[in-house]
C-alpha atoms as a PDB file:
ATOM      1  CA  MET A   1     -10.513  93.814 -67.221  1.00  0.00           C
ATOM      2  CA  GLY A   2     -12.651  90.958 -65.998  1.00  0.00           C
ATOM      3  CA  GLU A   3      -9.758  88.618 -64.555  1.00  0.00           C
ATOM      4  CA  ASP A   4      -8.251  91.760 -62.861  1.00  0.00           C
ATOM      5  CA  GLU A   5     -11.342  92.418 -61.142  1.00  0.00           C
ATOM      6  CA  LYS A   6     -11.707  88.984 -59.675  1.00  0.00           C
ATOM      7  CA  THR A   7      -8.189  89.093 -58.474  1.00  0.00           C
ATOM      8  CA  GLN A   8      -8.728  92.255 -56.752  1.00  0.00           C
ATOM      9  CA  ASP A   9     -11.743  90.836 -55.083  1.00  0.00           C
ATOM     10  CA  ASN A  10     -10.012  87.715 -53.600  1.00  0.00           C
ATOM     11  CA  PRO A  11      -6.242  88.447 -53.440  1.00  0.00           C
ATOM     12  CA  GLN A  12      -4.509  85.255 -52.943  1.00  0.00           C
ATOM     13  CA  GLY A  13      -2.739  84.664 -49.612  1.00  0.00           C
ATOM     14  CA  MET A  14      -5.238  86.823 -47.563  1.00  0.00           C
ATOM     15  CA  PRO A  15      -7.128  85.447 -44.763  1.00  0.00           C
ATOM     16  CA  LEU A  16     -10.830  85.089 -45.087  1.00  0.00           C
ATOM     17  CA  PRO A  17     -13.219  87.337 -43.756  1.00  0.00           C
ATOM     18  CA  PRO A  18     -14.828  86.478 -40.313  1.00  0.00           C
ATOM     19  CA  LEU A  19     -17.778  84.821 -39.946  1.00  0.00           C
ATOM     20  CA  PRO A  20     -21.123  86.620 -39.092  1.00  0.00           C
ATOM     21  CA  PRO A  21     -21.898  86.844 -35.239  1.00  0.00           C
ATOM     22  CA  GLY A  22     -23.919  83.770 -34.026  1.00  0.00           C
ATOM     23  CA  ILE A  23     -22.236  80.879 -36.363  1.00  0.00           C
ATOM     24  CA  SER A  24     -19.306  79.015 -35.402  1.00  0.00           C
ATOM     25  CA  LEU A  25     -17.295  76.295 -37.211  1.00  0.00           C
ATOM     26  CA  PRO A  26     -17.899  72.710 -35.566  1.00  0.00           C
ATOM     27  CA  LEU A  27     -14.973  71.444 -33.376  1.00  0.00           C
ATOM     28  CA  PRO A  28     -12.678  68.784 -34.946  1.00  0.00           C
ATOM     29  CA  PRO A  29     -13.178  65.183 -33.846  1.00  0.00           C
ATOM     30  CA  PRO A  30     -11.220  63.916 -30.736  1.00  0.00           C
ATOM     31  CA  PRO A  31      -7.970  62.018 -31.401  1.00  0.00           C
ATOM     32  CA  PRO A  32      -8.238  58.217 -31.372  1.00  0.00           C
ATOM     33  CA  PRO A  33      -7.158  56.362 -28.038  1.00  0.00           C
ATOM     34  CA  PRO A  34      -3.657  54.867 -27.791  1.00  0.00           C
ATOM     35  CA  VAL A  35      -3.601  51.323 -29.101  1.00  0.00           C
ATOM     36  CA  GLU A  36      -2.962  48.882 -25.853  1.00  0.00           C
ATOM     37  CA  GLU A  37      -0.206  46.475 -26.259  1.00  0.00           C
ATOM     38  CA  VAL A  38      -1.431  42.940 -26.186  1.00  0.00           C
ATOM     39  CA  ASN A  39       0.602  40.401 -24.072  1.00  0.00           C
ATOM     40  CA  LEU A  40      -0.132  36.942 -25.416  1.00  0.00           C
ATOM     41  CA  ASP A  41       1.786  35.147 -22.924  1.00  0.00           C
ATOM     42  CA  GLU A  42      -0.460  36.636 -20.019  1.00  0.00           C
ATOM     43  CA  ASP A  43      -3.697  35.671 -21.859  1.00  0.00           C
ATOM     44  CA  LEU A  44      -2.478  31.979 -22.227  1.00  0.00           C
ATOM     45  CA  GLU A  45      -1.539  31.860 -18.723  1.00  0.00           C
ATOM     46  CA  ILE A  46      -4.958  32.811 -17.706  1.00  0.00           C
ATOM     47  CA  LEU A  47      -6.559  30.584 -20.020  1.00  0.00           C
ATOM     48  CA  GLU A  48      -4.436  27.661 -18.558  1.00  0.00           C
ATOM     49  CA  ASN A  49      -5.330  28.686 -14.882  1.00  0.00           C
ATOM     50  CA  ILE A  50      -9.254  28.571 -15.785  1.00  0.00           C
ATOM     51  CA  GLU A  51      -8.802  25.071 -17.388  1.00  0.00           C
ATOM     52  CA  GLU A  52      -6.791  23.804 -14.384  1.00  0.00           C
ATOM     53  CA  THR A  53      -9.514  25.064 -12.090  1.00  0.00           C
ATOM     54  CA  GLN A  54     -12.348  23.479 -14.254  1.00  0.00           C
ATOM     55  CA  ILE A  55     -10.284  20.165 -14.298  1.00  0.00           C
ATOM     56  CA  GLU A  56      -9.844  19.973 -10.592  1.00  0.00           C
ATOM     57  CA  GLU A  57     -13.611  20.857  -9.974  1.00  0.00           C
ATOM     58  CA  VAL A  58     -14.366  18.015 -12.308  1.00  0.00           C
ATOM     59  CA  GLU A  59     -12.301  15.564 -10.476  1.00  0.00           C
ATOM     60  CA  TYR A  60     -13.400  16.600  -6.995  1.00  0.00           C
ATOM     61  CA  SER A  61     -17.130  16.007  -8.079  1.00  0.00           C
ATOM     62  CA  GLN A  62     -16.000  12.453  -9.712  1.00  0.00           C
ATOM     63  CA  SER A  63     -14.387  11.383  -6.328  1.00  0.00           C
ATOM     64  CA  THR A  64     -17.375  12.723  -4.407  1.00  0.00           C
ATOM     65  CA  ASP A  65     -19.553  10.706  -6.591  1.00  0.00           C
ATOM     66  CA  PHE A  66     -17.230   7.314  -6.374  1.00  0.00           C
ATOM     67  CA  GLN A  67     -17.334   7.723  -2.472  1.00  0.00           C
ATOM     68  CA  SER A  68     -20.998   8.065  -2.353  1.00  0.00           C
ATOM     69  CA  HIS A  69     -21.523   5.173  -4.696  1.00  0.00           C
ATOM     70  CA  TRP A  70     -19.275   3.282  -2.813  1.00  0.00           C
ATOM     71  CA  GLU A  71     -21.313   4.125   0.417  1.00  0.00           C
ATOM     72  CA  LYS A  72     -24.452   2.895  -1.427  1.00  0.00           C
ATOM     73  CA  ARG A  73     -22.806  -0.315  -2.379  1.00  0.00           C
ATOM     74  CA  LYS A  74     -21.852  -1.032   1.136  1.00  0.00           C
ATOM     75  CA  ALA A  75     -25.094  -0.276   2.360  1.00  0.00           C
ATOM     76  CA  SER A  76     -26.855  -2.490  -0.326  1.00  0.00           C
ATOM     77  CA  ASP A  77     -24.349  -5.455   0.256  1.00  0.00           C
ATOM     78  CA  PRO A  78     -23.200  -5.927   4.107  1.00  0.00           C
ATOM     79  CA  ASN A  79     -20.999  -8.660   2.698  1.00  0.00           C
ATOM     80  CA  LEU A  80     -18.638  -5.643   1.588  1.00  0.00           C
ATOM     81  CA  SER A  81     -18.039  -4.599   5.315  1.00  0.00           C
ATOM     82  CA  VAL A  82     -18.837  -7.617   7.311  1.00  0.00           C
ATOM     83  CA  GLY A  83     -16.569 -10.375   7.472  1.00  0.00           C
ATOM     84  CA  ASN A  84     -17.841 -13.825   6.861  1.00  0.00           C
ATOM     85  CA  ARG A  85     -18.212 -15.602  10.185  1.00  0.00           C
ATOM     86  CA  GLU A  86     -17.073 -18.984   8.626  1.00  0.00           C
ATOM     87  CA  SER A  87     -13.875 -17.270   7.255  1.00  0.00           C
ATOM     88  CA  MET A  88     -13.113 -15.926  10.703  1.00  0.00           C
ATOM     89  CA  TYR A  89     -13.766 -19.050  12.923  1.00  0.00           C
ATOM     90  CA  GLY A  90     -12.790 -21.828  10.515  1.00  0.00           C
ATOM     91  CA  HIS A  91     -14.846 -24.707   8.846  1.00  0.00           C
ATOM     92  CA  ILE A  92     -16.694 -26.500  11.691  1.00  0.00           C
ATOM     93  CA  ASP A  93     -17.457 -29.629   9.580  1.00  0.00           C
ATOM     94  CA  ARG A  94     -13.775 -30.111   8.779  1.00  0.00           C
ATOM     95  CA  ILE A  95     -12.979 -29.903  12.423  1.00  0.00           C
ATOM     96  CA  ALA A  96     -15.930 -32.249  13.217  1.00  0.00           C
ATOM     97  CA  THR A  97     -14.703 -34.872  10.668  1.00  0.00           C
ATOM     98  CA  GLY A  98     -10.950 -34.591  12.303  1.00  0.00           C
ATOM     99  CA  GLU A  99      -9.835 -32.990   8.917  1.00  0.00           C
ATOM    100  CA  VAL A 100      -8.158 -30.230  10.820  1.00  0.00           C
ATOM    101  CA  GLY A 101      -5.092 -29.125   8.886  1.00  0.00           C
ATOM    102  CA  THR A 102      -2.838 -26.365   9.757  1.00  0.00           C
ATOM    103  CA  LEU A 103      -3.924 -22.827  11.378  1.00  0.00           C
ATOM    104  CA  LEU A 104      -3.422 -21.398   8.064  1.00  0.00           C
ATOM    105  CA  ASP A 105      -5.430 -24.056   6.399  1.00  0.00           C
ATOM    106  CA  ARG A 106      -8.272 -23.783   8.825  1.00  0.00           C
ATOM    107  CA  PHE A 107      -8.390 -19.683   8.670  1.00  0.00           C
ATOM    108  CA  SER A 108      -7.149 -19.341   4.987  1.00  0.00           C
ATOM    109  CA  ASN A 109      -9.903 -16.842   4.176  1.00  0.00           C
ATOM    110  CA  ARG A 110      -8.085 -14.535   6.604  1.00  0.00           C
ATOM    111  CA  PHE A 111      -5.316 -14.241   4.221  1.00  0.00           C
ATOM    112  CA  GLY A 112      -7.174 -12.523   1.366  1.00  0.00           C
ATOM    113  CA  SER A 113      -7.848 -13.765  -2.180  1.00  0.00           C
ATOM    114  CA  GLU A 114      -7.255 -17.369  -3.531  1.00  0.00           C
ATOM    115  CA  LEU A 115      -4.247 -16.228  -5.117  1.00  0.00           C
ATOM    116  CA  ASP A 116      -2.740 -14.980  -1.929  1.00  0.00           C
ATOM    117  CA  ARG A 117      -3.283 -18.462  -0.121  1.00  0.00           C
ATOM    118  CA  GLU A 118      -1.515 -20.120  -3.205  1.00  0.00           C
ATOM    119  CA  ILE A 119       1.422 -17.831  -2.793  1.00  0.00           C
ATOM    120  CA  ILE A 120       1.740 -18.558   0.797  1.00  0.00           C
ATOM    121  CA  VAL A 121       1.471 -22.348   0.110  1.00  0.00           C
ATOM    122  CA  LEU A 122       4.109 -22.232  -2.705  1.00  0.00           C
ATOM    123  CA  ARG A 123       6.574 -20.273  -0.721  1.00  0.00           C
ATOM    124  CA  LYS A 124       6.279 -22.962   2.145  1.00  0.00           C
ATOM    125  CA  LYS A 125       6.973 -25.722  -0.582  1.00  0.00           C
ATOM    126  CA  GLN A 126       9.761 -23.595  -1.890  1.00  0.00           C
ATOM    127  CA  GLN A 127      11.325 -23.339   1.489  1.00  0.00           C
ATOM    128  CA  GLN A 128      11.132 -27.031   2.187  1.00  0.00           C
ATOM    129  CA  GLU A 129      12.748 -27.667  -1.043  1.00  0.00           C
ATOM    130  CA  MET A 130      15.511 -25.286  -0.251  1.00  0.00           C
ATOM    131  CA  ARG A 131      16.360 -26.912   3.120  1.00  0.00           C
ATOM    132  CA  GLU A 132      16.640 -30.183   1.190  1.00  0.00           C
ATOM    133  CA  ILE A 133      19.268 -28.865  -1.082  1.00  0.00           C
ATOM    134  CA  LYS A 134      22.855 -29.416   0.349  1.00  0.00           C
ATOM    135  CA  PRO A 135      25.234 -27.215  -1.607  1.00  0.00           C
ATOM    136  CA  THR A 136      28.846 -27.896  -2.139  1.00  0.00           C
ATOM    137  CA  VAL A 137      31.302 -25.292  -1.511  1.00  0.00           C
ATOM    138  CA  GLU A 138      34.609 -25.473  -3.365  1.00  0.00           C
ATOM    139  CA  LEU A 139      37.396 -23.155  -2.275  1.00  0.00           C
ATOM    140  CA  ILE A 140      39.675 -21.710  -5.038  1.00  0.00           C
ATOM    141  CA  GLN A 141      42.159 -20.289  -2.612  1.00  0.00           C
ATOM    142  CA  ALA A 142      42.927 -20.332   0.901  1.00  0.00           C
ATOM    143  CA  PRO A 143      40.445 -18.118   2.560  1.00  0.00           C
ATOM    144  CA  THR A 144      41.750 -15.089   4.731  1.00  0.00           C
ATOM    145  CA  GLU A 145      40.717 -14.788   8.510  1.00  0.00           C
ATOM    146  CA  GLU A 146      38.539 -12.008   7.535  1.00  0.00           C
ATOM    147  CA  TYR A 147      36.722 -13.891   4.724  1.00  0.00           C
ATOM    148  CA  GLU A 148      36.354 -16.795   7.169  1.00  0.00           C
ATOM    149  CA  GLU A 149      34.449 -14.521   9.679  1.00  0.00           C
ATOM    150  CA  GLU A 150      32.143 -13.298   7.215  1.00  0.00           C
ATOM    151  CA  LEU A 151      31.439 -16.645   5.851  1.00  0.00           C
ATOM    152  CA  GLU A 152      30.785 -17.996   9.264  1.00  0.00           C
ATOM    153  CA  GLU A 153      28.315 -15.205  10.019  1.00  0.00           C
ATOM    154  CA  GLU A 154      26.395 -15.599   6.691  1.00  0.00           C
ATOM    155  CA  LEU A 155      26.116 -19.462   7.294  1.00  0.00           C
ATOM    156  CA  GLU A 156      24.826 -18.855  10.923  1.00  0.00           C
ATOM    157  CA  GLU A 157      22.360 -16.227   9.582  1.00  0.00           C
ATOM    158  CA  ILE A 158      21.129 -18.794   6.829  1.00  0.00           C
ATOM    159  CA  SER A 159      20.959 -21.370   9.394  1.00  0.00           C
ATOM    160  CA  SER A 160      18.895 -19.138  11.809  1.00  0.00           C
ATOM    161  CA  ASP A 161      16.531 -18.295   9.094  1.00  0.00           C
ATOM    162  CA  GLU A 162      16.076 -22.189   8.293  1.00  0.00           C
ATOM    163  CA  ASP A 163      15.598 -23.000  11.845  1.00  0.00           C
ATOM    164  CA  PHE A 164      12.951 -20.179  12.193  1.00  0.00           C
ATOM    165  CA  ALA A 165      11.015 -21.156   9.070  1.00  0.00           C
ATOM    166  CA  GLU A 166      11.025 -24.794  10.484  1.00  0.00           C
ATOM    167  CA  PHE A 167       9.809 -23.397  13.780  1.00  0.00           C
ATOM    168  CA  PHE A 168       7.011 -21.488  12.140  1.00  0.00           C
ATOM    169  CA  SER A 169       5.823 -24.757  10.186  1.00  0.00           C
ATOM    170  CA  VAL A 170       5.922 -26.809  13.573  1.00  0.00           C
ATOM    171  CA  ILE A 171       3.684 -24.166  15.189  1.00  0.00           C
ATOM    172  CA  ASN A 172       1.592 -23.910  12.425  1.00  0.00           C
ATOM    173  CA  ASN A 173       0.760 -27.666  12.417  1.00  0.00           C
ATOM    174  CA  LEU A 174       0.444 -27.630  16.392  1.00  0.00           C
ATOM    175  CA  LEU A 175      -2.092 -24.688  16.283  1.00  0.00           C
ATOM    176  CA  GLY A 176      -3.821 -26.617  13.557  1.00  0.00           C
ATOM    177  CA  ASP A 177      -4.237 -29.540  15.697  1.00  0.00           C
ATOM    178  CA  ILE A 178      -5.735 -27.716  18.705  1.00  0.00           C
ATOM    179  CA  THR A 179      -9.391 -28.648  19.331  1.00  0.00           C
ATOM    180  CA  ASP A 180      -9.922 -25.925  21.697  1.00  0.00           C
ATOM    181  CA  GLU A 181     -12.095 -23.643  19.639  1.00  0.00           C
ATOM    182  CA  ASP A 182     -12.337 -20.942  22.288  1.00  0.00           C
ATOM    183  CA  VAL A 183      -8.726 -20.623  22.432  1.00  0.00           C
ATOM    184  CA  ILE A 184      -7.969 -20.421  18.776  1.00  0.00           C
ATOM    185  CA  LYS A 185     -10.985 -18.119  18.359  1.00  0.00           C
ATOM    186  CA  ASN A 186      -9.680 -15.769  20.880  1.00  0.00           C
ATOM    187  CA  PHE A 187      -6.228 -16.000  19.004  1.00  0.00           C
ATOM    188  CA  ILE A 188      -7.738 -15.182  15.531  1.00  0.00           C
ATOM    189  CA  ALA A 189      -9.566 -12.180  16.847  1.00  0.00           C
ATOM    190  CA  SER A 190      -6.721 -10.724  18.826  1.00  0.00           C
ATOM    191  CA  ASP A 191      -4.394  -7.714  17.228  1.00  0.00           C
ATOM    192  CA  SER A 192      -1.512 -10.302  17.902  1.00  0.00           C
ATOM    193  CA  PHE A 193      -2.886 -12.513  14.951  1.00  0.00           C
ATOM    194  CA  SER A 194      -1.710  -9.941  12.186  1.00  0.00           C
ATOM    195  CA  LEU A 195       2.029 -10.918  13.462  1.00  0.00           C
ATOM    196  CA  PHE A 196       1.125 -14.418  12.743  1.00  0.00           C
ATOM    197  CA  GLU A 197      -0.353 -13.480   9.287  1.00  0.00           C
ATOM    198  CA  GLU A 198       2.959 -11.533   8.218  1.00  0.00           C
ATOM    199  CA  VAL A 199       5.090 -14.178   9.634  1.00  0.00           C
ATOM    200  CA  GLY A 200       3.522 -16.896   7.810  1.00  0.00           C
ATOM    201  CA  ALA A 201       3.780 -15.003   4.521  1.00  0.00           C
ATOM    202  CA  SER A 202       7.441 -15.503   4.443  1.00  0.00           C
ATOM    203  CA  PRO A 203       8.923 -17.057   7.601  1.00  0.00           C
ATOM    204  CA  GLY A 204      12.383 -17.186   6.083  1.00  0.00           C
ATOM    205  CA  SER A 205      12.691 -13.721   5.519  1.00  0.00           C
ATOM    206  CA  VAL A 206      11.562 -12.050   8.741  1.00  0.00           C
ATOM    207  CA  SER A 207      13.653  -9.645  10.987  1.00  0.00           C
ATOM    208  CA  GLU A 208      15.304 -10.688  14.191  1.00  0.00           C
ATOM    209  CA  GLU A 209      12.843  -8.279  16.124  1.00  0.00           C
ATOM    210  CA  GLN A 210       9.763 -10.011  14.607  1.00  0.00           C
ATOM    211  CA  LYS A 211      11.470 -13.489  15.457  1.00  0.00           C
ATOM    212  CA  GLY A 212      11.472 -12.546  19.136  1.00  0.00           C
ATOM    213  CA  ASP A 213       7.786 -11.117  18.874  1.00  0.00           C
ATOM    214  CA  PHE A 214       6.479 -14.125  17.506  1.00  0.00           C
ATOM    215  CA  PHE A 215       8.225 -16.587  19.749  1.00  0.00           C
ATOM    216  CA  ARG A 216       6.931 -14.587  22.831  1.00  0.00           C
ATOM    217  CA  LEU A 217       3.453 -14.426  21.193  1.00  0.00           C
ATOM    218  CA  ILE A 218       3.412 -18.440  20.521  1.00  0.00           C
ATOM    219  CA  ASN A 219       4.962 -18.883  24.061  1.00  0.00           C
ATOM    220  CA  GLN A 220       1.952 -17.041  25.480  1.00  0.00           C
ATOM    221  CA  VAL A 221      -0.682 -18.566  23.306  1.00  0.00           C
ATOM    222  CA  LEU A 222       0.459 -21.995  24.207  1.00  0.00           C
ATOM    223  CA  GLY A 223       0.926 -20.981  27.827  1.00  0.00           C
ATOM    224  CA  ASP A 224      -2.595 -20.071  28.095  1.00  0.00           C
ATOM    225  CA  LEU A 225      -3.902 -23.685  27.257  1.00  0.00           C
ATOM    226  CA  PRO A 226      -5.096 -26.198  29.812  1.00  0.00           C
ATOM    227  CA  ASP A 227      -2.128 -28.284  31.213  1.00  0.00           C
ATOM    228  CA  ASP A 228      -3.947 -31.533  30.130  1.00  0.00           C
ATOM    229  CA  ASN A 229      -4.322 -30.529  26.418  1.00  0.00           C
ATOM    230  CA  GLU A 230      -3.595 -33.530  24.673  1.00  0.00           C
ATOM    231  CA  SER A 231      -1.872 -31.763  21.417  1.00  0.00           C
ATOM    232  CA  VAL A 232       0.451 -29.727  23.717  1.00  0.00           C
ATOM    233  CA  GLU A 233       1.333 -32.973  25.733  1.00  0.00           C
ATOM    234  CA  ALA A 234       2.112 -34.847  22.375  1.00  0.00           C
ATOM    235  CA  PHE A 235       4.053 -31.852  21.092  1.00  0.00           C
ATOM    236  CA  ILE A 236       6.314 -31.949  24.217  1.00  0.00           C
ATOM    237  CA  GLY A 237       6.904 -35.528  23.590  1.00  0.00           C
ATOM    238  CA  SER A 238       7.833 -35.294  20.081  1.00  0.00           C
ATOM    239  CA  SER A 239      11.038 -34.587  18.428  1.00  0.00           C
ATOM    240  CA  ASP A 240       9.720 -31.094  17.149  1.00  0.00           C
ATOM    241  CA  PHE A 241       9.975 -29.808  20.746  1.00  0.00           C
ATOM    242  CA  SER A 242      13.504 -29.369  20.308  1.00  0.00           C
ATOM    243  CA  ILE A 243      13.111 -26.840  17.845  1.00  0.00           C
ATOM    244  CA  PHE A 244      10.648 -24.995  20.275  1.00  0.00           C
ATOM    245  CA  VAL A 245      13.572 -25.234  22.828  1.00  0.00           C
ATOM    246  CA  LYS A 246      16.116 -23.837  20.485  1.00  0.00           C
ATOM    247  CA  MET A 247      14.209 -20.774  19.575  1.00  0.00           C
ATOM    248  CA  GLY A 248      13.636 -20.190  23.199  1.00  0.00           C
ATOM    249  CA  GLU A 249      17.322 -20.076  23.787  1.00  0.00           C
ATOM    250  CA  LEU A 250      17.704 -17.553  21.064  1.00  0.00           C
ATOM    251  CA  TYR A 251      14.561 -15.449  21.356  1.00  0.00           C
ATOM    252  CA  GLY A 252      13.076 -16.154  24.908  1.00  0.00           C
ATOM    253  CA  GLU A 253      13.311 -13.351  27.720  1.00  0.00           C
END
């Protein structure tokens, strides 16, 4: 009887009785937010961009620091930005003793370091040795007319280069013998002297246009000298004057 009474008091499957007034059940917790998908490629790209920006900022600050450092060095050492008067105008003591040398020798400091000057002297020596070499050409078969024309043009070009290299050597020695310091100083300080430097570095390999410009430059420099200049008069009476006349026929206006 006891078990039957319990079953009747709480029958299975029946809903629970309602709560008394004023009492309510707590609300269920909110559902969790959806999980965002992580894009590793985008995150890596963002990190790389940040690193590149930082590197660029460091490089810019370094370059700015170096520039300011260089300005301080120039301010503390005037020799870095102001040329030496002796290197511009030559060695006065050598001129006084008669040991003038060529124009390149007198103003060799204008050509950069000691190594640069040695290269110029070495090239001049090599060019002189090449002119002394007389190659013997042995023909294996009879040349065609077209080949003969090409060979003749090549030989003419080689001969022209050798003649111009000899012309530069003659002019270089002539300008070195001139004792009129005002003329030489003005020539060294002019913008045209850069052409003399460029041709002097390799006189056997300059272009036809440079050859013409160089001859006209030298013709003007010599023309500005006094008529009674002893060096020019000696040059006109020497055998070297023939190469000047030859260059004038090729490149003179």
